[in-house]
Amino acid sequence: MMKAIFDKIPSPKKFPLSELLLAVRGAVPFSAQTTVLIKKLGGVGDAVWQHEQKLDQGLKLELEWREIEELSLCADAAVDELLCILGPAYFGIFDASFMFVQSSDKTLEARVSSKFENVREAPDADFEK
């Protein structure tokens, strides 16, 4: 089952995306050269829109981990839709509603979701569509 994370923060960003990234980073094999495949990205701000345009053009979008962290912390941007793939983990923000982590590795799911307070199980999504 997917772990749906409903933790929020009182800011225009709404979601503690940087905390989700930190939790994922601690749960998956990681190196300085780690890149993340981005399948969906939406929100406001130039930093988001320039990457979103690439996806709209049908281009493959892979970002270095550092770039994703910078995007999550950027004062002039807010991400409200995100689907990342890193190894066996799918994670991000679903339709401006909640953050999530889903993996065939249930220990990984549990490690990531344990860092949050408001977590519910939801049916797994088919992210390969």
N, C-alpha and C. Protein backbone atom coordinates (compact mmCIF):
# COMPACT_ATOMS: atom_id res chain seq x y z
N MET A 1 0.84 -1.19 0.00
CA MET A 1 0.00 0.00 0.00
C MET A 1 0.88 1.26 0.00
N MET A 2 0.47 2.22 -0.77
CA MET A 2 1.14 3.52 -0.77
C MET A 2 0.97 4.18 0.59
N LYS A 3 1.97 4.93 0.99
CA LYS A 3 1.86 5.73 2.21
C LYS A 3 1.54 7.16 1.79
N ALA A 4 0.34 7.61 2.11
CA ALA A 4 -0.09 8.99 1.84
C ALA A 4 0.23 9.83 3.07
N ILE A 5 0.95 10.91 2.85
CA ILE A 5 1.45 11.75 3.95
C ILE A 5 0.72 13.09 3.91
N PHE A 6 -0.06 13.36 4.93
CA PHE A 6 -0.90 14.56 4.96
C PHE A 6 -0.33 15.67 5.84
N ASP A 7 0.92 15.56 6.25
CA ASP A 7 1.56 16.64 7.02
C ASP A 7 1.60 17.90 6.14
N LYS A 8 1.36 19.04 6.74
CA LYS A 8 1.39 20.32 6.03
C LYS A 8 2.21 21.31 6.84
N ILE A 9 2.61 22.40 6.18
CA ILE A 9 3.32 23.47 6.86
C ILE A 9 2.59 24.78 6.58
N PRO A 10 2.62 25.72 7.53
CA PRO A 10 1.91 26.99 7.35
C PRO A 10 2.74 27.97 6.50
N SER A 11 2.77 27.71 5.21
CA SER A 11 3.48 28.60 4.29
C SER A 11 2.87 28.42 2.91
N PRO A 12 3.19 29.29 1.98
CA PRO A 12 2.67 29.12 0.62
C PRO A 12 3.08 27.79 -0.01
N LYS A 13 4.16 27.20 0.46
CA LYS A 13 4.61 25.91 -0.09
C LYS A 13 3.65 24.78 0.28
N LYS A 14 3.00 24.87 1.44
CA LYS A 14 1.98 23.95 1.90
C LYS A 14 2.50 22.58 2.33
N PHE A 15 3.48 22.03 1.61
CA PHE A 15 3.98 20.69 1.90
C PHE A 15 5.44 20.74 2.37
N PRO A 16 5.81 19.95 3.36
CA PRO A 16 7.21 19.90 3.80
C PRO A 16 8.04 19.00 2.87
N LEU A 17 8.13 19.40 1.60
CA LEU A 17 8.82 18.60 0.59
C LEU A 17 10.27 18.35 0.95
N SER A 18 10.94 19.34 1.53
CA SER A 18 12.34 19.14 1.90
C SER A 18 12.48 18.03 2.94
N GLU A 19 11.49 17.88 3.82
CA GLU A 19 11.52 16.80 4.81
C GLU A 19 11.30 15.44 4.15
N LEU A 20 10.42 15.40 3.14
CA LEU A 20 10.22 14.15 2.40
C LEU A 20 11.50 13.76 1.68
N LEU A 21 12.17 14.72 1.06
CA LEU A 21 13.42 14.43 0.36
C LEU A 21 14.48 13.91 1.33
N LEU A 22 14.56 14.51 2.49
CA LEU A 22 15.52 14.06 3.50
C LEU A 22 15.22 12.63 3.94
N ALA A 23 13.95 12.31 4.12
CA ALA A 23 13.55 10.96 4.53
C ALA A 23 13.88 9.94 3.43
N VAL A 24 13.61 10.30 2.18
CA VAL A 24 13.92 9.39 1.07
C VAL A 24 15.43 9.20 0.97
N ARG A 25 16.16 10.29 1.08
CA ARG A 25 17.63 10.22 0.99
C ARG A 25 18.20 9.26 2.04
N GLY A 26 17.59 9.21 3.19
CA GLY A 26 18.06 8.32 4.24
C GLY A 26 17.63 6.87 4.06
N ALA A 27 16.73 6.61 3.11
CA ALA A 27 16.17 5.27 2.97
C ALA A 27 16.60 4.54 1.70
N VAL A 28 17.16 5.24 0.74
CA VAL A 28 17.56 4.60 -0.52
C VAL A 28 19.08 4.72 -0.70
N PRO A 29 19.66 3.80 -1.46
CA PRO A 29 21.09 3.93 -1.76
C PRO A 29 21.36 5.26 -2.44
N PHE A 30 22.39 5.93 -2.00
CA PHE A 30 22.60 7.32 -2.40
C PHE A 30 24.07 7.60 -2.60
N SER A 31 24.39 8.41 -3.62
CA SER A 31 25.76 8.86 -3.83
C SER A 31 25.73 10.30 -4.33
N ALA A 32 26.87 10.91 -4.43
CA ALA A 32 26.96 12.30 -4.88
C ALA A 32 26.45 12.46 -6.31
N GLN A 33 26.48 11.39 -7.09
CA GLN A 33 26.03 11.46 -8.48
C GLN A 33 24.57 11.02 -8.67
N THR A 34 23.86 10.82 -7.59
CA THR A 34 22.48 10.35 -7.68
C THR A 34 21.63 11.33 -8.48
N THR A 35 20.91 10.77 -9.46
CA THR A 35 19.94 11.56 -10.22
C THR A 35 18.56 10.95 -10.01
N VAL A 36 17.55 11.78 -10.18
CA VAL A 36 16.17 11.38 -9.96
C VAL A 36 15.40 11.60 -11.26
N LEU A 37 14.63 10.60 -11.66
CA LEU A 37 13.77 10.74 -12.83
C LEU A 37 12.49 11.44 -12.38
N ILE A 38 12.17 12.55 -13.03
CA ILE A 38 10.96 13.31 -12.72
C ILE A 38 9.92 13.00 -13.80
N LYS A 39 8.78 12.45 -13.39
CA LYS A 39 7.72 12.12 -14.35
C LYS A 39 6.63 13.18 -14.39
N LYS A 40 6.42 13.88 -13.27
CA LYS A 40 5.44 14.97 -13.20
C LYS A 40 6.02 16.06 -12.33
N LEU A 41 5.69 17.30 -12.70
CA LEU A 41 6.12 18.44 -11.89
C LEU A 41 5.18 19.59 -12.18
N GLY A 42 4.67 20.20 -11.13
CA GLY A 42 3.79 21.35 -11.29
C GLY A 42 3.89 22.25 -10.08
N GLY A 43 3.50 23.49 -10.27
CA GLY A 43 3.54 24.45 -9.18
C GLY A 43 3.69 25.85 -9.71
N VAL A 44 4.24 26.72 -8.90
CA VAL A 44 4.41 28.12 -9.28
C VAL A 44 5.88 28.52 -9.11
N GLY A 45 6.27 29.50 -9.92
CA GLY A 45 7.62 30.04 -9.85
C GLY A 45 8.46 29.62 -11.03
N ASP A 46 9.38 30.48 -11.41
CA ASP A 46 10.23 30.23 -12.57
C ASP A 46 11.01 28.93 -12.46
N ALA A 47 11.51 28.63 -11.27
CA ALA A 47 12.30 27.41 -11.08
C ALA A 47 11.48 26.16 -11.41
N VAL A 48 10.20 26.18 -11.08
CA VAL A 48 9.31 25.05 -11.39
C VAL A 48 8.97 25.07 -12.86
N TRP A 49 8.59 26.22 -13.38
CA TRP A 49 8.09 26.30 -14.75
C TRP A 49 9.13 25.90 -15.79
N GLN A 50 10.40 26.23 -15.57
CA GLN A 50 11.40 25.87 -16.57
C GLN A 50 11.54 24.35 -16.70
N HIS A 51 11.41 23.62 -15.59
CA HIS A 51 11.45 22.16 -15.65
C HIS A 51 10.12 21.60 -16.17
N GLU A 52 9.04 22.22 -15.79
CA GLU A 52 7.71 21.78 -16.22
C GLU A 52 7.59 21.86 -17.74
N GLN A 53 8.17 22.88 -18.34
CA GLN A 53 8.14 23.04 -19.80
C GLN A 53 8.79 21.86 -20.50
N LYS A 54 9.88 21.36 -19.96
CA LYS A 54 10.56 20.21 -20.56
C LYS A 54 9.65 19.00 -20.57
N LEU A 55 8.95 18.77 -19.47
CA LEU A 55 8.01 17.65 -19.41
C LEU A 55 6.86 17.86 -20.39
N ASP A 56 6.36 19.09 -20.50
CA ASP A 56 5.27 19.40 -21.42
C ASP A 56 5.68 19.14 -22.87
N GLN A 57 6.97 19.27 -23.16
CA GLN A 57 7.49 19.02 -24.51
C GLN A 57 7.78 17.54 -24.74
N GLY A 58 7.52 16.72 -23.74
CA GLY A 58 7.74 15.29 -23.86
C GLY A 58 9.18 14.87 -23.65
N LEU A 59 10.00 15.76 -23.12
CA LEU A 59 11.40 15.45 -22.88
C LEU A 59 11.58 14.69 -21.57
N LYS A 60 12.59 13.85 -21.52
CA LYS A 60 12.92 13.14 -20.29
C LYS A 60 13.59 14.13 -19.34
N LEU A 61 13.15 14.13 -18.09
CA LEU A 61 13.70 15.06 -17.12
C LEU A 61 14.34 14.28 -15.98
N GLU A 62 15.66 14.36 -15.91
CA GLU A 62 16.42 13.80 -14.80
C GLU A 62 17.16 14.94 -14.14
N LEU A 63 17.01 15.04 -12.83
CA LEU A 63 17.67 16.09 -12.07
C LEU A 63 18.62 15.48 -11.06
N GLU A 64 19.73 16.17 -10.84
CA GLU A 64 20.61 15.75 -9.76
C GLU A 64 19.88 15.99 -8.44
N TRP A 65 20.21 15.18 -7.45
CA TRP A 65 19.55 15.30 -6.15
C TRP A 65 19.63 16.73 -5.63
N ARG A 66 20.80 17.34 -5.80
CA ARG A 66 21.02 18.71 -5.34
C ARG A 66 19.99 19.67 -5.96
N GLU A 67 19.65 19.47 -7.24
CA GLU A 67 18.69 20.33 -7.92
C GLU A 67 17.29 20.18 -7.33
N ILE A 68 16.93 18.96 -6.98
CA ILE A 68 15.60 18.74 -6.37
C ILE A 68 15.55 19.39 -5.00
N GLU A 69 16.62 19.24 -4.23
CA GLU A 69 16.66 19.88 -2.92
C GLU A 69 16.55 21.40 -3.06
N GLU A 70 17.28 21.98 -4.00
CA GLU A 70 17.22 23.43 -4.21
C GLU A 70 15.81 23.86 -4.59
N LEU A 71 15.15 23.09 -5.43
CA LEU A 71 13.78 23.41 -5.84
C LEU A 71 12.84 23.37 -4.64
N SER A 72 13.04 22.42 -3.74
CA SER A 72 12.16 22.32 -2.57
C SER A 72 12.36 23.47 -1.59
N LEU A 73 13.55 24.07 -1.62
CA LEU A 73 13.87 25.16 -0.69
C LEU A 73 13.76 26.55 -1.30
N CYS A 74 13.57 26.63 -2.61
CA CYS A 74 13.54 27.91 -3.32
C CYS A 74 12.43 28.82 -2.78
N ALA A 75 12.79 30.01 -2.37
CA ALA A 75 11.82 30.94 -1.79
C ALA A 75 10.80 31.43 -2.81
N ASP A 76 11.17 31.42 -4.09
CA ASP A 76 10.30 31.95 -5.14
C ASP A 76 9.53 30.87 -5.89
N ALA A 77 9.47 29.67 -5.34
CA ALA A 77 8.78 28.57 -6.02
C ALA A 77 8.04 27.71 -5.00
N ALA A 78 6.96 27.11 -5.47
CA ALA A 78 6.20 26.17 -4.65
C ALA A 78 5.77 25.01 -5.54
N VAL A 79 6.16 23.81 -5.17
CA VAL A 79 5.80 22.61 -5.91
C VAL A 79 4.51 22.06 -5.32
N ASP A 80 3.52 21.78 -6.20
CA ASP A 80 2.29 21.19 -5.69
C ASP A 80 1.91 19.89 -6.41
N GLU A 81 2.75 19.48 -7.36
CA GLU A 81 2.59 18.17 -7.99
C GLU A 81 3.98 17.68 -8.37
N LEU A 82 4.29 16.45 -7.98
CA LEU A 82 5.62 15.93 -8.22
C LEU A 82 5.57 14.41 -8.18
N LEU A 83 6.16 13.80 -9.20
CA LEU A 83 6.35 12.35 -9.20
C LEU A 83 7.80 12.09 -9.54
N CYS A 84 8.52 11.55 -8.57
CA CYS A 84 9.94 11.22 -8.71
C CYS A 84 10.11 9.71 -8.64
N ILE A 85 11.10 9.22 -9.37
CA ILE A 85 11.47 7.81 -9.29
C ILE A 85 12.95 7.74 -8.97
N LEU A 86 13.27 7.02 -7.91
CA LEU A 86 14.66 6.82 -7.50
C LEU A 86 14.77 5.38 -7.03
N GLY A 87 15.44 4.56 -7.82
CA GLY A 87 15.54 3.14 -7.49
C GLY A 87 14.15 2.54 -7.38
N PRO A 88 13.87 1.84 -6.28
CA PRO A 88 12.56 1.21 -6.14
C PRO A 88 11.48 2.15 -5.58
N ALA A 89 11.83 3.42 -5.37
CA ALA A 89 10.91 4.34 -4.71
C ALA A 89 10.26 5.32 -5.68
N TYR A 90 8.96 5.47 -5.53
CA TYR A 90 8.19 6.54 -6.17
C TYR A 90 7.81 7.47 -5.04
N PHE A 91 7.98 8.77 -5.23
CA PHE A 91 7.64 9.70 -4.16
C PHE A 91 7.35 11.06 -4.76
N GLY A 92 6.65 11.89 -3.97
CA GLY A 92 6.35 13.23 -4.43
C GLY A 92 5.11 13.80 -3.78
N ILE A 93 4.40 14.60 -4.58
CA ILE A 93 3.16 15.26 -4.14
C ILE A 93 2.08 14.90 -5.14
N PHE A 94 0.97 14.40 -4.65
CA PHE A 94 -0.13 13.97 -5.51
C PHE A 94 -1.17 15.07 -5.63
N ASP A 95 -1.29 15.64 -6.82
CA ASP A 95 -2.37 16.55 -7.19
C ASP A 95 -2.66 17.62 -6.13
N ALA A 96 -1.63 18.21 -5.56
CA ALA A 96 -1.75 19.27 -4.56
C ALA A 96 -2.56 18.84 -3.33
N SER A 97 -2.62 17.52 -3.08
CA SER A 97 -3.44 17.00 -1.99
C SER A 97 -2.62 16.41 -0.84
N PHE A 98 -1.60 15.63 -1.16
CA PHE A 98 -0.79 14.98 -0.13
C PHE A 98 0.54 14.54 -0.73
N MET A 99 1.52 14.37 0.14
CA MET A 99 2.79 13.78 -0.28
C MET A 99 2.63 12.26 -0.21
N PHE A 100 3.55 11.54 -0.85
CA PHE A 100 3.44 10.09 -0.83
C PHE A 100 4.80 9.44 -1.04
N VAL A 101 4.85 8.18 -0.65
CA VAL A 101 5.96 7.30 -0.99
C VAL A 101 5.34 5.94 -1.29
N GLN A 102 5.83 5.31 -2.35
CA GLN A 102 5.36 3.98 -2.73
C GLN A 102 6.56 3.19 -3.24
N SER A 103 6.66 1.95 -2.80
CA SER A 103 7.78 1.12 -3.23
C SER A 103 7.42 -0.35 -3.09
N SER A 104 8.05 -1.17 -3.90
CA SER A 104 7.93 -2.61 -3.71
C SER A 104 8.66 -3.03 -2.43
N ASP A 105 9.56 -2.17 -1.95
CA ASP A 105 10.29 -2.39 -0.71
C ASP A 105 9.50 -1.74 0.43
N LYS A 106 8.73 -2.54 1.13
CA LYS A 106 7.85 -2.02 2.18
C LYS A 106 8.64 -1.48 3.38
N THR A 107 9.86 -1.96 3.59
CA THR A 107 10.70 -1.42 4.65
C THR A 107 11.08 0.01 4.31
N LEU A 108 11.39 0.27 3.06
CA LEU A 108 11.69 1.63 2.61
C LEU A 108 10.49 2.55 2.84
N GLU A 109 9.30 2.10 2.44
CA GLU A 109 8.08 2.88 2.67
C GLU A 109 7.93 3.22 4.14
N ALA A 110 8.13 2.23 4.99
CA ALA A 110 7.96 2.43 6.44
C ALA A 110 9.00 3.40 6.99
N ARG A 111 10.25 3.28 6.53
CA ARG A 111 11.31 4.18 7.00
C ARG A 111 11.00 5.63 6.64
N VAL A 112 10.55 5.85 5.41
CA VAL A 112 10.25 7.22 4.97
C VAL A 112 9.03 7.75 5.71
N SER A 113 7.95 7.00 5.72
CA SER A 113 6.70 7.49 6.32
C SER A 113 6.80 7.67 7.83
N SER A 114 7.73 6.97 8.48
CA SER A 114 7.87 7.10 9.94
C SER A 114 8.35 8.48 10.36
N LYS A 115 8.84 9.27 9.44
CA LYS A 115 9.34 10.61 9.74
C LYS A 115 8.21 11.65 9.80
N PHE A 116 6.97 11.20 9.55
CA PHE A 116 5.83 12.11 9.49
C PHE A 116 4.75 11.69 10.48
N GLU A 117 3.88 12.64 10.80
CA GLU A 117 2.85 12.39 11.81
C GLU A 117 1.53 11.92 11.23
N ASN A 118 1.09 12.50 10.12
CA ASN A 118 -0.23 12.23 9.58
C ASN A 118 -0.12 11.37 8.33
N VAL A 119 0.00 10.06 8.52
CA VAL A 119 0.22 9.11 7.42
C VAL A 119 -0.93 8.13 7.36
N ARG A 120 -1.40 7.88 6.16
CA ARG A 120 -2.46 6.88 5.94
C ARG A 120 -2.05 5.97 4.81
N GLU A 121 -2.56 4.76 4.83
CA GLU A 121 -2.33 3.85 3.71
C GLU A 121 -3.36 4.13 2.63
N ALA A 122 -2.93 4.00 1.39
CA ALA A 122 -3.81 4.20 0.24
C ALA A 122 -3.46 3.11 -0.78
N PRO A 123 -4.37 2.81 -1.67
CA PRO A 123 -4.06 1.80 -2.69
C PRO A 123 -2.85 2.24 -3.53
N ASP A 124 -2.02 1.28 -3.91
CA ASP A 124 -0.90 1.60 -4.78
C ASP A 124 -1.40 2.20 -6.09
N ALA A 125 -0.65 3.18 -6.58
CA ALA A 125 -0.96 3.80 -7.87
C ALA A 125 -0.12 3.12 -8.95
N ASP A 126 -0.61 3.17 -10.18
CA ASP A 126 0.14 2.63 -11.31
C ASP A 126 0.89 3.79 -11.95
N PHE A 127 2.09 4.04 -11.50
CA PHE A 127 2.87 5.19 -11.97
C PHE A 127 3.53 4.92 -13.32
N GLU A 128 3.41 3.72 -13.84
CA GLU A 128 4.04 3.39 -15.12
C GLU A 128 3.18 3.80 -16.31
N LYS A 129 1.98 4.28 -16.06
CA LYS A 129 1.09 4.72 -17.16
C LYS A 129 1.65 5.93 -17.85
